[in-house]
Amino acid sequence: MRTEYIDAVLRIAALIPSGRVLAYGDVAEMINNGGPRPIGSVMSHYGDQVPWWRVLRASGRPPEGHDERALAQYRLEQTPLRGKTSGEDSSWRVDIVQARWQPDEQSWLEIDRIADSLEPAVRVLSEPDDLMGS
């Protein structure tokens, strides 16, 4: 995976304010590249550099295997949650409708800068050459 892509994903994750979240697909749309799976891959390998718990599945479930650590962060940040958060049958998740980050104008400018910085590197990789000529 290209370092420019990894950097773009992590920069978006770092912008998300306390108590707010984005789904993997939201991040992909913001950088105009990839989809939920590549974003999830970046977060699973490099997410410890940023507030990883703020980027999650569209269902509101935290990253696989990180339920307890994520829940502690969500409680600390007062992130809106749904379901039971304690007991053997805990079925909690982030209330993504309430918690989804809605960037302000200044944040959108930064998001656009991040996406624009990624675009030239991606374009170089994706130019097809089918050897058919014109």
N, C-alpha and C. Protein backbone atom coordinates (compact mmCIF):
# COMPACT_ATOMS: atom_id res chain seq x y z
N MET A 1 0.86 -1.18 0.00
CA MET A 1 0.00 0.00 0.00
C MET A 1 0.90 1.24 0.00
N ARG A 2 0.56 2.20 -0.80
CA ARG A 2 1.39 3.40 -0.94
C ARG A 2 1.36 4.26 0.31
N THR A 3 2.52 4.83 0.63
CA THR A 3 2.63 5.65 1.83
C THR A 3 1.75 6.89 1.75
N GLU A 4 1.54 7.42 0.54
CA GLU A 4 0.68 8.61 0.39
C GLU A 4 -0.75 8.29 0.81
N TYR A 5 -1.20 7.09 0.45
CA TYR A 5 -2.56 6.67 0.79
C TYR A 5 -2.68 6.48 2.30
N ILE A 6 -1.73 5.80 2.88
CA ILE A 6 -1.72 5.58 4.33
C ILE A 6 -1.74 6.92 5.05
N ASP A 7 -0.88 7.83 4.61
CA ASP A 7 -0.80 9.15 5.23
C ASP A 7 -2.13 9.90 5.13
N ALA A 8 -2.77 9.83 3.97
CA ALA A 8 -4.05 10.52 3.79
C ALA A 8 -5.12 9.98 4.73
N VAL A 9 -5.20 8.66 4.85
CA VAL A 9 -6.18 8.04 5.75
C VAL A 9 -5.93 8.47 7.19
N LEU A 10 -4.67 8.42 7.61
CA LEU A 10 -4.34 8.77 8.99
C LEU A 10 -4.57 10.26 9.27
N ARG A 11 -4.32 11.10 8.28
CA ARG A 11 -4.57 12.54 8.46
C ARG A 11 -6.06 12.83 8.63
N ILE A 12 -6.90 12.12 7.87
CA ILE A 12 -8.35 12.29 8.04
C ILE A 12 -8.76 11.81 9.43
N ALA A 13 -8.28 10.65 9.84
CA ALA A 13 -8.63 10.11 11.16
C ALA A 13 -8.22 11.08 12.27
N ALA A 14 -7.09 11.73 12.11
CA ALA A 14 -6.60 12.67 13.12
C ALA A 14 -7.47 13.92 13.23
N LEU A 15 -8.21 14.23 12.17
CA LEU A 15 -9.08 15.41 12.18
C LEU A 15 -10.38 15.21 12.95
N ILE A 16 -10.80 13.96 13.13
CA ILE A 16 -12.09 13.67 13.74
C ILE A 16 -12.07 14.11 15.20
N PRO A 17 -13.00 14.98 15.60
CA PRO A 17 -13.00 15.48 16.98
C PRO A 17 -13.43 14.42 17.99
N SER A 18 -13.06 14.66 19.21
CA SER A 18 -13.47 13.81 20.33
C SER A 18 -14.98 13.66 20.37
N GLY A 19 -15.46 12.44 20.58
CA GLY A 19 -16.89 12.18 20.66
C GLY A 19 -17.58 11.99 19.32
N ARG A 20 -16.82 12.08 18.25
CA ARG A 20 -17.36 11.93 16.90
C ARG A 20 -16.67 10.76 16.20
N VAL A 21 -17.31 10.22 15.18
CA VAL A 21 -16.77 9.08 14.44
C VAL A 21 -17.03 9.23 12.95
N LEU A 22 -16.32 8.44 12.17
CA LEU A 22 -16.59 8.25 10.75
C LEU A 22 -16.52 6.76 10.46
N ALA A 23 -17.32 6.32 9.51
CA ALA A 23 -17.24 4.94 9.04
C ALA A 23 -16.09 4.85 8.04
N TYR A 24 -15.57 3.64 7.86
CA TYR A 24 -14.49 3.42 6.90
C TYR A 24 -14.86 3.99 5.53
N GLY A 25 -16.09 3.76 5.10
CA GLY A 25 -16.54 4.26 3.81
C GLY A 25 -16.60 5.78 3.74
N ASP A 26 -16.89 6.43 4.87
CA ASP A 26 -16.89 7.90 4.90
C ASP A 26 -15.50 8.43 4.58
N VAL A 27 -14.48 7.82 5.19
CA VAL A 27 -13.10 8.25 4.96
C VAL A 27 -12.73 8.04 3.50
N ALA A 28 -13.11 6.90 2.93
CA ALA A 28 -12.82 6.63 1.51
C ALA A 28 -13.45 7.69 0.61
N GLU A 29 -14.69 8.07 0.91
CA GLU A 29 -15.35 9.10 0.11
C GLU A 29 -14.64 10.44 0.24
N MET A 30 -14.19 10.76 1.44
CA MET A 30 -13.53 12.05 1.66
C MET A 30 -12.24 12.17 0.86
N ILE A 31 -11.50 11.07 0.74
CA ILE A 31 -10.24 11.14 -0.02
C ILE A 31 -10.43 10.71 -1.47
N ASN A 32 -11.69 10.42 -1.85
CA ASN A 32 -12.02 10.05 -3.23
C ASN A 32 -11.18 8.88 -3.72
N ASN A 33 -10.98 7.91 -2.83
CA ASN A 33 -10.15 6.78 -3.23
C ASN A 33 -10.41 5.58 -2.35
N GLY A 34 -10.48 4.42 -2.97
CA GLY A 34 -10.63 3.18 -2.21
C GLY A 34 -12.05 2.99 -1.74
N GLY A 35 -12.19 2.14 -0.76
CA GLY A 35 -13.48 1.84 -0.17
C GLY A 35 -13.27 1.47 1.28
N PRO A 36 -14.29 0.92 1.92
CA PRO A 36 -14.17 0.58 3.33
C PRO A 36 -13.03 -0.40 3.65
N ARG A 37 -12.82 -1.39 2.82
CA ARG A 37 -11.79 -2.40 3.13
C ARG A 37 -10.38 -1.84 3.16
N PRO A 38 -9.96 -1.07 2.14
CA PRO A 38 -8.61 -0.49 2.22
C PRO A 38 -8.45 0.45 3.42
N ILE A 39 -9.50 1.20 3.74
CA ILE A 39 -9.43 2.09 4.90
C ILE A 39 -9.28 1.26 6.16
N GLY A 40 -10.06 0.19 6.28
CA GLY A 40 -9.95 -0.70 7.43
C GLY A 40 -8.56 -1.31 7.54
N SER A 41 -7.98 -1.66 6.41
CA SER A 41 -6.63 -2.23 6.40
C SER A 41 -5.60 -1.22 6.91
N VAL A 42 -5.69 0.01 6.44
CA VAL A 42 -4.78 1.05 6.93
C VAL A 42 -4.95 1.22 8.43
N MET A 43 -6.19 1.30 8.87
CA MET A 43 -6.43 1.53 10.30
C MET A 43 -5.94 0.35 11.14
N SER A 44 -6.08 -0.88 10.64
CA SER A 44 -5.64 -2.03 11.43
C SER A 44 -4.12 -2.12 11.52
N HIS A 45 -3.42 -1.65 10.50
CA HIS A 45 -1.96 -1.72 10.51
C HIS A 45 -1.29 -0.47 11.08
N TYR A 46 -1.90 0.69 10.91
CA TYR A 46 -1.25 1.95 11.28
C TYR A 46 -2.08 2.83 12.20
N GLY A 47 -3.27 2.38 12.56
CA GLY A 47 -4.20 3.21 13.32
C GLY A 47 -3.75 3.61 14.70
N ASP A 48 -2.76 2.91 15.26
CA ASP A 48 -2.30 3.27 16.60
C ASP A 48 -1.64 4.64 16.64
N GLN A 49 -1.37 5.23 15.48
CA GLN A 49 -0.77 6.56 15.40
C GLN A 49 -1.80 7.68 15.56
N VAL A 50 -3.08 7.33 15.52
CA VAL A 50 -4.18 8.30 15.58
C VAL A 50 -5.28 7.75 16.49
N PRO A 51 -6.33 8.54 16.78
CA PRO A 51 -7.46 8.02 17.56
C PRO A 51 -8.27 7.00 16.75
N TRP A 52 -7.77 5.77 16.69
CA TRP A 52 -8.31 4.70 15.85
C TRP A 52 -9.77 4.39 16.13
N TRP A 53 -10.21 4.57 17.37
CA TRP A 53 -11.59 4.22 17.74
C TRP A 53 -12.61 5.14 17.08
N ARG A 54 -12.17 6.22 16.48
CA ARG A 54 -13.08 7.16 15.83
C ARG A 54 -13.37 6.77 14.38
N VAL A 55 -12.74 5.72 13.87
CA VAL A 55 -13.00 5.21 12.53
C VAL A 55 -13.46 3.77 12.68
N LEU A 56 -14.67 3.48 12.25
CA LEU A 56 -15.27 2.18 12.54
C LEU A 56 -16.17 1.71 11.41
N ARG A 57 -16.77 0.56 11.60
CA ARG A 57 -17.69 0.00 10.60
C ARG A 57 -18.96 0.85 10.52
N ALA A 58 -19.61 0.81 9.39
CA ALA A 58 -20.85 1.58 9.19
C ALA A 58 -21.95 1.15 10.15
N SER A 59 -21.87 -0.06 10.66
CA SER A 59 -22.86 -0.55 11.63
C SER A 59 -22.70 0.10 13.00
N GLY A 60 -21.58 0.78 13.23
CA GLY A 60 -21.31 1.36 14.53
C GLY A 60 -20.51 0.45 15.44
N ARG A 61 -20.19 -0.75 14.95
CA ARG A 61 -19.37 -1.68 15.74
C ARG A 61 -17.92 -1.24 15.69
N PRO A 62 -17.21 -1.38 16.81
CA PRO A 62 -15.80 -0.98 16.84
C PRO A 62 -14.94 -1.97 16.06
N PRO A 63 -13.68 -1.62 15.84
CA PRO A 63 -12.79 -2.53 15.14
C PRO A 63 -12.73 -3.89 15.85
N GLU A 64 -12.69 -4.95 15.06
CA GLU A 64 -12.66 -6.32 15.56
C GLU A 64 -11.60 -6.52 16.64
N GLY A 65 -12.03 -7.09 17.76
CA GLY A 65 -11.11 -7.41 18.84
C GLY A 65 -10.75 -6.25 19.75
N HIS A 66 -11.34 -5.09 19.53
CA HIS A 66 -10.99 -3.91 20.32
C HIS A 66 -12.20 -3.34 21.06
N ASP A 67 -13.21 -4.16 21.29
CA ASP A 67 -14.44 -3.69 21.92
C ASP A 67 -14.19 -2.97 23.25
N GLU A 68 -13.45 -3.60 24.14
CA GLU A 68 -13.26 -3.03 25.48
C GLU A 68 -12.46 -1.74 25.43
N ARG A 69 -11.37 -1.74 24.67
CA ARG A 69 -10.55 -0.52 24.57
C ARG A 69 -11.34 0.61 23.92
N ALA A 70 -12.09 0.28 22.87
CA ALA A 70 -12.88 1.29 22.18
C ALA A 70 -13.97 1.83 23.10
N LEU A 71 -14.66 0.94 23.82
CA LEU A 71 -15.74 1.36 24.71
C LEU A 71 -15.22 2.32 25.77
N ALA A 72 -14.04 2.06 26.31
CA ALA A 72 -13.45 2.96 27.31
C ALA A 72 -13.24 4.35 26.71
N GLN A 73 -12.77 4.41 25.47
CA GLN A 73 -12.57 5.71 24.81
C GLN A 73 -13.89 6.40 24.52
N TYR A 74 -14.88 5.62 24.06
CA TYR A 74 -16.19 6.21 23.76
C TYR A 74 -16.82 6.80 25.02
N ARG A 75 -16.69 6.09 26.12
CA ARG A 75 -17.23 6.61 27.38
C ARG A 75 -16.50 7.88 27.80
N LEU A 76 -15.18 7.86 27.71
CA LEU A 76 -14.37 9.02 28.07
C LEU A 76 -14.74 10.24 27.24
N GLU A 77 -14.98 10.03 25.95
CA GLU A 77 -15.30 11.13 25.03
C GLU A 77 -16.79 11.41 24.94
N GLN A 78 -17.60 10.63 25.65
CA GLN A 78 -19.06 10.77 25.64
C GLN A 78 -19.63 10.63 24.23
N THR A 79 -19.09 9.66 23.50
CA THR A 79 -19.59 9.33 22.17
C THR A 79 -20.97 8.68 22.32
N PRO A 80 -21.98 9.11 21.57
CA PRO A 80 -23.31 8.49 21.67
C PRO A 80 -23.26 6.99 21.35
N LEU A 81 -23.84 6.20 22.25
CA LEU A 81 -23.87 4.74 22.11
C LEU A 81 -25.29 4.23 22.13
N ARG A 82 -25.48 3.01 21.62
CA ARG A 82 -26.78 2.31 21.66
C ARG A 82 -26.55 0.92 22.22
N GLY A 83 -27.56 0.38 22.89
CA GLY A 83 -27.50 -0.99 23.38
C GLY A 83 -26.86 -1.10 24.75
N LYS A 84 -26.77 -2.34 25.24
CA LYS A 84 -26.20 -2.63 26.55
C LYS A 84 -24.68 -2.61 26.48
N THR A 85 -24.05 -1.87 27.39
CA THR A 85 -22.60 -1.79 27.39
C THR A 85 -21.95 -2.63 28.47
N SER A 86 -22.75 -3.36 29.24
CA SER A 86 -22.18 -4.22 30.28
C SER A 86 -22.94 -5.53 30.35
N GLY A 87 -22.33 -6.50 31.02
CA GLY A 87 -22.96 -7.81 31.14
C GLY A 87 -22.50 -8.75 30.05
N GLU A 88 -22.91 -9.99 30.18
CA GLU A 88 -22.49 -11.02 29.23
C GLU A 88 -23.09 -10.83 27.85
N ASP A 89 -24.27 -10.26 27.79
CA ASP A 89 -24.92 -10.09 26.49
C ASP A 89 -24.84 -8.64 26.00
N SER A 90 -23.67 -8.01 26.23
CA SER A 90 -23.54 -6.63 25.76
C SER A 90 -23.69 -6.60 24.25
N SER A 91 -24.48 -5.69 23.78
CA SER A 91 -24.77 -5.59 22.35
C SER A 91 -24.64 -4.15 21.89
N TRP A 92 -23.72 -3.43 22.49
CA TRP A 92 -23.60 -2.01 22.21
C TRP A 92 -22.95 -1.76 20.85
N ARG A 93 -23.15 -0.56 20.42
CA ARG A 93 -22.49 -0.04 19.23
C ARG A 93 -22.56 1.48 19.31
N VAL A 94 -21.76 2.15 18.53
CA VAL A 94 -21.83 3.60 18.46
C VAL A 94 -23.10 3.97 17.71
N ASP A 95 -23.81 4.96 18.20
CA ASP A 95 -24.97 5.49 17.49
C ASP A 95 -24.42 6.38 16.38
N ILE A 96 -24.13 5.77 15.26
CA ILE A 96 -23.42 6.47 14.19
C ILE A 96 -24.23 7.63 13.61
N VAL A 97 -25.54 7.55 13.68
CA VAL A 97 -26.37 8.66 13.20
C VAL A 97 -26.12 9.90 14.05
N GLN A 98 -26.04 9.71 15.36
CA GLN A 98 -25.80 10.83 16.28
C GLN A 98 -24.33 11.24 16.33
N ALA A 99 -23.43 10.25 16.21
CA ALA A 99 -22.00 10.51 16.44
C ALA A 99 -21.22 10.86 15.17
N ARG A 100 -21.80 10.64 14.00
CA ARG A 100 -21.04 10.88 12.76
C ARG A 100 -20.59 12.34 12.69
N TRP A 101 -19.31 12.50 12.41
CA TRP A 101 -18.71 13.82 12.31
C TRP A 101 -19.21 14.53 11.06
N GLN A 102 -19.67 15.76 11.25
CA GLN A 102 -20.07 16.63 10.15
C GLN A 102 -19.05 17.76 10.09
N PRO A 103 -18.06 17.66 9.22
CA PRO A 103 -16.99 18.66 9.19
C PRO A 103 -17.51 20.07 8.91
N ASP A 104 -16.90 21.04 9.58
CA ASP A 104 -17.22 22.44 9.30
C ASP A 104 -16.43 22.88 8.06
N GLU A 105 -16.63 24.12 7.65
CA GLU A 105 -16.00 24.61 6.42
C GLU A 105 -14.48 24.52 6.48
N GLN A 106 -13.89 24.89 7.60
CA GLN A 106 -12.44 24.83 7.75
C GLN A 106 -11.93 23.39 7.63
N SER A 107 -12.65 22.47 8.25
CA SER A 107 -12.26 21.06 8.18
C SER A 107 -12.37 20.53 6.75
N TRP A 108 -13.43 20.95 6.02
CA TRP A 108 -13.57 20.52 4.63
C TRP A 108 -12.41 21.02 3.78
N LEU A 109 -11.93 22.23 4.06
CA LEU A 109 -10.78 22.74 3.31
C LEU A 109 -9.56 21.85 3.54
N GLU A 110 -9.35 21.43 4.78
CA GLU A 110 -8.23 20.54 5.09
C GLU A 110 -8.43 19.16 4.44
N ILE A 111 -9.64 18.65 4.50
CA ILE A 111 -9.95 17.36 3.87
C ILE A 111 -9.68 17.43 2.37
N ASP A 112 -10.09 18.52 1.73
CA ASP A 112 -9.84 18.70 0.30
C ASP A 112 -8.34 18.75 0.00
N ARG A 113 -7.56 19.41 0.87
CA ARG A 113 -6.11 19.45 0.68
C ARG A 113 -5.51 18.04 0.76
N ILE A 114 -6.00 17.27 1.71
CA ILE A 114 -5.51 15.90 1.86
C ILE A 114 -5.85 15.08 0.62
N ALA A 115 -7.09 15.17 0.16
CA ALA A 115 -7.51 14.42 -1.04
C ALA A 115 -6.73 14.87 -2.27
N ASP A 116 -6.52 16.19 -2.41
CA ASP A 116 -5.78 16.71 -3.55
C ASP A 116 -4.33 16.25 -3.55
N SER A 117 -3.73 16.14 -2.37
CA SER A 117 -2.34 15.70 -2.29
C SER A 117 -2.21 14.22 -2.67
N LEU A 118 -3.26 13.47 -2.49
CA LEU A 118 -3.25 12.04 -2.83
C LEU A 118 -3.50 11.82 -4.31
N GLU A 119 -4.29 12.67 -4.92
CA GLU A 119 -4.73 12.46 -6.30
C GLU A 119 -3.61 12.26 -7.31
N PRO A 120 -2.55 13.10 -7.35
CA PRO A 120 -1.51 12.88 -8.36
C PRO A 120 -0.83 11.51 -8.23
N ALA A 121 -0.58 11.07 -7.02
CA ALA A 121 0.07 9.77 -6.82
C ALA A 121 -0.82 8.64 -7.29
N VAL A 122 -2.11 8.75 -7.06
CA VAL A 122 -3.05 7.72 -7.48
C VAL A 122 -3.19 7.71 -8.99
N ARG A 123 -3.25 8.90 -9.59
CA ARG A 123 -3.42 9.00 -11.04
C ARG A 123 -2.28 8.31 -11.77
N VAL A 124 -1.06 8.46 -11.28
CA VAL A 124 0.09 7.83 -11.92
C VAL A 124 -0.07 6.31 -11.91
N LEU A 125 -0.62 5.77 -10.83
CA LEU A 125 -0.78 4.33 -10.72
C LEU A 125 -1.91 3.79 -11.58
N SER A 126 -2.90 4.59 -11.88
CA SER A 126 -4.10 4.05 -12.50
C SER A 126 -4.26 4.34 -13.99
N GLU A 127 -3.24 4.91 -14.64
CA GLU A 127 -3.37 5.16 -16.07
C GLU A 127 -3.23 3.84 -16.83
N PRO A 128 -4.28 3.42 -17.55
CA PRO A 128 -4.21 2.15 -18.26
C PRO A 128 -3.38 2.27 -19.54
N ASP A 129 -2.75 1.20 -19.91
CA ASP A 129 -2.04 1.14 -21.18
C ASP A 129 -2.37 -0.22 -21.79
N ASP A 130 -3.37 -0.23 -22.66
CA ASP A 130 -3.81 -1.50 -23.24
C ASP A 130 -3.08 -1.85 -24.54
N LEU A 131 -2.12 -1.02 -24.93
CA LEU A 131 -1.31 -1.24 -26.13
C LEU A 131 -2.12 -1.29 -27.41
N MET A 132 -3.33 -0.74 -27.38
CA MET A 132 -4.21 -0.75 -28.55
C MET A 132 -3.92 0.42 -29.48
N GLY A 133 -3.25 1.45 -28.99
CA GLY A 133 -3.00 2.61 -29.82
C GLY A 133 -4.26 3.44 -30.01
N SER A 134 -4.15 4.50 -30.83
CA SER A 134 -5.33 5.33 -31.04
C SER A 134 -5.94 5.09 -32.38
